[in-house]
Protein backbone atom coordinates (compact mmCIF):
# COMPACT_ATOMS: atom_id res chain seq x y z
CA MET A 1 0.00 0.00 0.00
CA LYS A 2 2.91 2.35 0.72
CA LYS A 3 4.16 1.92 -2.86
CA ILE A 4 0.80 2.94 -4.25
CA ILE A 5 0.72 6.06 -2.08
CA ASP A 6 4.28 6.95 -3.14
CA TRP A 7 3.43 6.43 -6.82
CA THR A 8 0.33 8.58 -6.45
CA LEU A 9 2.28 11.40 -4.83
CA ILE A 10 4.94 11.30 -7.54
CA LEU A 11 2.30 11.29 -10.26
CA LEU A 12 0.54 14.25 -8.62
CA ILE A 13 3.81 16.20 -8.55
CA PHE A 14 4.35 15.45 -12.24
CA ALA A 15 0.74 16.44 -12.90
CA GLY A 16 1.24 19.82 -11.25
CA VAL A 17 4.40 20.55 -13.24
CA THR A 18 2.71 19.34 -16.43
CA LEU A 19 -0.28 21.62 -15.84
CA LEU A 20 2.08 24.53 -15.27
CA GLY A 21 4.01 23.76 -18.45
CA ASN A 22 0.78 23.30 -20.36
CA MET A 23 -0.40 26.71 -19.20
CA ILE A 24 2.86 28.58 -19.81
CA GLY A 25 3.93 26.94 -23.05
CA TYR A 26 0.66 26.24 -24.80
CA ASP A 27 -1.90 28.66 -23.28
CA ILE A 28 -4.13 25.77 -22.25
CA TYR A 29 -5.31 26.75 -18.81
CA SER A 30 -5.33 24.30 -15.98
CA TRP A 31 -9.07 23.77 -15.69
CA ALA A 32 -9.30 22.59 -19.30
CA ALA A 33 -6.45 20.11 -18.85
CA VAL A 34 -7.26 18.76 -15.36
CA PRO A 35 -9.63 15.97 -16.53
CA GLY A 36 -7.02 14.77 -19.05
CA ILE A 37 -4.28 14.80 -16.43
CA LEU A 38 -6.49 12.83 -14.04
CA VAL A 39 -7.21 10.23 -16.74
CA LEU A 40 -3.49 9.90 -17.48
CA ILE A 41 -2.68 9.55 -13.77
CA ALA A 42 -5.34 6.85 -13.40
CA ILE A 43 -4.03 4.93 -16.41
CA ALA A 44 -0.43 5.12 -15.16
CA LEU A 45 -1.37 4.13 -11.63
CA ILE A 46 -3.49 1.17 -12.75
CA GLY A 47 -0.67 -0.01 -15.02
CA MET A 48 1.89 0.18 -12.21
CA ILE A 49 -0.42 -1.68 -9.84
CA MET A 50 -1.00 -4.38 -12.47
CA GLU A 51 2.76 -4.77 -12.97
CA GLU A 52 3.22 -5.17 -9.23
CA TYR A 53 0.47 -7.73 -8.60
CA ILE A 54 0.11 -9.73 -11.82
CA PRO A 55 2.69 -12.53 -11.85
CA ALA A 56 3.53 -12.13 -15.56
CA ASN A 57 6.89 -10.74 -16.61
CA ILE A 58 5.47 -7.64 -18.35
CA PRO A 59 6.82 -4.19 -17.49
CA ALA A 60 4.51 -1.42 -16.27
CA VAL A 61 4.96 0.46 -19.54
CA GLY A 62 3.34 -2.45 -21.36
CA TYR A 63 0.30 -2.43 -19.09
CA ILE A 64 0.04 1.36 -19.28
CA ALA A 65 0.16 1.26 -23.07
CA LEU A 66 -2.48 -1.48 -23.25
CA ILE A 67 -4.82 0.38 -20.90
CA GLY A 68 -4.31 3.63 -22.81
CA ILE A 69 -5.10 1.95 -26.09
CA LEU A 70 -8.17 0.18 -24.70
CA VAL A 71 -9.75 3.29 -23.19
CA SER A 72 -9.22 5.36 -26.32
CA VAL A 73 -10.50 3.03 -29.05
CA PRO A 74 -13.85 4.16 -30.49
CA TRP A 75 -15.85 1.13 -29.33
CA PHE A 76 -14.88 1.61 -25.65
CA PRO A 77 -17.65 3.30 -23.63
CA GLY A 78 -16.65 6.86 -22.86
CA SER A 79 -13.70 6.92 -25.22
CA ASP A 80 -14.93 10.18 -26.75
CA TYR A 81 -14.52 11.84 -23.36
CA VAL A 82 -11.10 10.29 -22.76
CA VAL A 83 -9.82 11.48 -26.13
CA GLN A 84 -11.35 14.93 -25.70
CA TRP A 85 -9.90 15.37 -22.19
CA THR A 86 -6.43 14.07 -22.97
CA SER A 87 -6.18 16.16 -26.14
CA GLN A 88 -5.99 19.21 -23.85
CA VAL A 89 -2.64 17.98 -22.48
CA GLU A 90 0.32 18.62 -24.77
CA LEU A 91 2.95 15.90 -25.14
CA LEU A 92 5.92 18.18 -24.55
CA ALA A 93 4.32 19.51 -21.37
CA ILE A 94 4.31 15.90 -20.12
CA THR A 95 7.81 14.94 -21.23
CA THR A 96 9.56 18.00 -19.79
CA PRO A 97 9.17 17.09 -16.07
CA ILE A 98 9.83 13.42 -16.76
CA LEU A 99 13.06 14.13 -18.61
CA ALA A 100 14.11 16.63 -15.94
CA TYR A 101 13.55 13.98 -13.27
CA ALA A 102 15.48 11.41 -15.29
CA GLY A 103 18.34 13.85 -15.78
CA ILE A 104 18.53 14.64 -12.08
CA SER A 105 18.46 11.02 -11.03
């Protein structure tokens, strides 16, 4: 349970920095991007939990990619909302804090 709390806190920190970068760099204000950020956090968190508890030798990135694909295909219920919300979050606004963290570590 402690791992899940730690992952959630880290993802929330990345979400805050991403929202700030989204606002400064792309003029997409935080309230428009918050639902997309929350969807991305949920997908990442579910994928990391699956990697931890499913006894297959699949990395978390694989689970995260599969979940992301499944929730965004047109036949998935609510996929229109997922695509609409996540389109408000720019890719470079996401990669900047992740690459900064990787560079520091």
